Amino acid sequence: MIKNIKACIFDLDGTLVDSMWMWPDIDREYLGRFGIEYDDNLKNEIDGISFHETAVYFKNKFGISDSVEKICKDWEDMAYDKYKYEVKEKPGCKKFLEHLRSKGIRMGIATSNNRSMVDAVLESLNMKDFFEVITTSDEVKRGKPAPDVYLTTAKLLDVEPKNCLVFEDVVAGIMAGKSAGMKVCAIEDDFTKEVRQKKKELSDYYIVDYSELI
């Protein structure tokens, strides 16, 4: 899988760390503040888009009067402690990162999450030093499934897209990696089990956990 690969670029949530479980609860609690009932289909509508884009979507769809900035801040306040104290790495993840580092393969992160929460969870799990570059979708023009965040990360790593391998857990992210001209390895996550077959069809590789790659 890593033959001719010079850089591996990882999504964060559901890919490096097991965190997707908490977002429906946060969305449900947040919408409940406005008397709005959470719909299970919501996660499919916002998969992959940036933190800011999600806030814009919520504001427009649900008619929330708060500013986009306040919506983002409220979510950050609700999620920060979970990222810092509750979220764990995906099985075998850190050993695989150590394996890549031993092979001289460069590593970056391309995530739709907020930078403060990315930093919180990576520092908590002692994983930040593995990554030369961290790019969030808020730093590029378009969020996933557009390829922007992956192309930007590859450029910052100074590696051609064709020599990059992306790790992703959601369909929008897999599409972003493929649109960037990169190979994509999809990873199992309970949050996306209903689209497992689609993930397998769209990606070049599929794993249940990282121990398969060591």
Foldseek 3Di string as FASTA:
>chain_A
DQVLAQAEEEEPDQWFWPDPVCVQVLVQVVVVVVVDHDDPCVCVVCPFWALLVVLVVCCVVVVDPDDSVVVSVSSCVVCQVCLQPPMDTFPPNVVVLVVCVVVNHAYEYEYRYDPNSVVRNCVNHVNVVSHPYYHHNVVFDTTFPAQTSVLVSCVVVVHQQQNYEYEEADPRVLNNSVNSVHAYEYEDHPSCVVCVVVVVVSHPHYYDGDVVVD
